[in-house]
Structures are given as C-alpha cells and as structure tokens.
Protein backbone atom coordinates (compact mmCIF):
# COMPACT_ATOMS: atom_id res chain seq x y z
CA MET A 1 0.00 0.00 0.00
CA HIS A 2 1.48 3.36 -1.02
CA ARG A 3 1.25 6.26 1.45
CA PHE A 4 3.02 8.73 -0.82
CA THR A 5 1.03 10.03 -3.79
CA HIS A 6 3.21 9.74 -6.87
CA ALA A 7 3.19 12.75 -9.20
CA HIS A 8 3.23 12.02 -12.91
CA ASP A 9 5.27 15.05 -14.04
CA PRO A 10 8.88 13.80 -14.35
CA LEU A 11 10.20 17.33 -13.74
CA LEU A 12 8.30 17.68 -10.44
CA SER A 13 8.47 14.19 -9.00
CA PRO A 14 11.40 12.33 -7.41
CA PRO A 15 13.03 9.57 -9.48
CA ASP A 16 11.44 6.12 -9.34
CA HIS A 17 14.23 4.70 -7.17
CA VAL A 18 13.61 7.43 -4.56
CA LEU A 19 9.87 6.71 -4.55
CA ALA A 20 10.67 3.01 -4.08
CA GLU A 21 12.87 3.86 -1.09
CA VAL A 22 10.08 5.97 0.45
CA ASP A 23 7.65 3.06 0.01
CA ALA A 24 10.16 0.64 1.56
CA ALA A 25 10.73 3.02 4.48
CA TRP A 26 6.99 3.21 5.04
CA GLU A 27 6.80 -0.58 5.17
CA ARG A 28 9.62 -0.67 7.76
CA SER A 29 7.91 2.00 9.84
CA GLN A 30 4.81 -0.15 10.15
CA ASP A 31 6.81 -2.73 12.11
CA LEU A 32 7.78 -0.08 14.68
CA VAL A 33 4.26 0.92 15.60
CA ALA A 34 2.19 -2.05 14.45
CA GLY A 35 -1.31 -1.66 15.80
CA GLU A 36 -0.51 1.54 17.72
CA LEU A 37 0.19 4.36 15.25
CA GLU A 38 0.48 4.76 11.49
CA LEU A 39 3.08 6.94 9.78
CA HIS A 40 1.67 8.86 6.83
CA PHE A 41 3.64 10.98 4.37
CA THR A 42 1.82 13.99 2.95
CA ARG A 43 2.80 16.49 0.28
CA ALA A 44 1.53 20.05 0.15
CA LEU A 45 -0.28 20.98 -3.05
CA MET A 46 1.55 24.30 -3.24
CA GLY A 47 5.32 23.93 -3.19
CA GLY A 48 5.31 20.15 -2.83
CA ARG A 49 6.77 20.12 0.70
CA VAL A 50 6.71 16.63 2.24
CA THR A 51 5.82 16.16 5.91
CA GLY A 52 4.84 13.25 8.10
CA GLU A 53 1.90 12.54 10.37
CA LEU A 54 1.43 9.99 13.13
CA ARG A 55 -2.18 8.83 13.15
CA LEU A 56 -4.24 6.28 15.00
CA PRO A 57 -4.79 3.04 13.02
CA ASP A 58 -6.95 3.03 9.89
CA GLY A 59 -6.28 6.68 9.05
CA GLY A 60 -7.81 7.87 12.31
CA GLU A 61 -7.15 10.88 14.47
CA LEU A 62 -3.96 12.89 13.99
CA VAL A 63 -1.61 12.37 16.96
CA GLU A 64 1.41 14.41 15.86
CA ARG A 65 2.84 16.19 12.82
CA LEU A 66 6.46 15.46 11.92
CA SER A 67 9.00 17.24 9.77
CA ALA A 68 10.21 15.33 6.71
CA SER A 69 13.51 14.50 8.44
CA GLU A 70 11.73 13.25 11.59
CA ALA A 71 9.36 11.10 9.53
CA LEU A 72 12.22 9.62 7.49
CA ALA A 73 14.25 8.91 10.63
CA LEU A 74 11.27 7.07 12.10
CA ALA A 75 10.60 5.24 8.82
CA CYS A 76 14.24 4.16 8.60
CA GLY A 77 14.08 2.64 12.05
CA ASP A 78 15.87 5.36 13.99
CA ALA A 79 13.12 6.26 16.45
CA SER A 80 15.62 7.77 18.90
CA LEU A 81 16.73 10.30 16.26
CA ALA A 82 13.13 11.11 15.36
CA LEU A 83 12.16 11.65 19.00
CA ALA A 84 15.25 13.78 19.69
CA ALA A 85 14.53 16.15 16.80
C-alpha cells in the first residue's frame, strides 16, 4: 500500500528509485508501531513540501505532525533520532 502520492510530471516528482525507497521506508515503519500508530507521508499541493503525520490506526485521528527528516528517521528505524529532533 502506497502512502506517498506519486506525481506524474517527471520534472516535479522524485526519481522512481527514490519513490521506491520511500515506500520501503513506510513498510519498515509499520513494524515499529504495528497496531498503535500509522506513519503517513503527505505532500503540500503548493510547493510540494513533504511532511509526516502519526495517526491512530486506519487513518484515524492525527496524533502528531512530523518534519520530513523526523518522519524519514522514524521510517528508517531510527526512532531515537526522530524523538530527539
């Protein structure tokens, strides 16, 4: 299941290998918080800035917003770095 919406404009979207890494990071992040929280990546419509959100399971209530670096640290399995940021 993809949590990052892929843009179709090759000049505005990351390369395919980067999108694959984001998807793989999302899969790893699910093991960290299985059944407790879900990590979602969102992209702003204006400017394309990527951020993260921790939500209750099944796309529920927003628990916390994360910067892109915090979300990636969490997704890559470095929860201590994400919590320290």
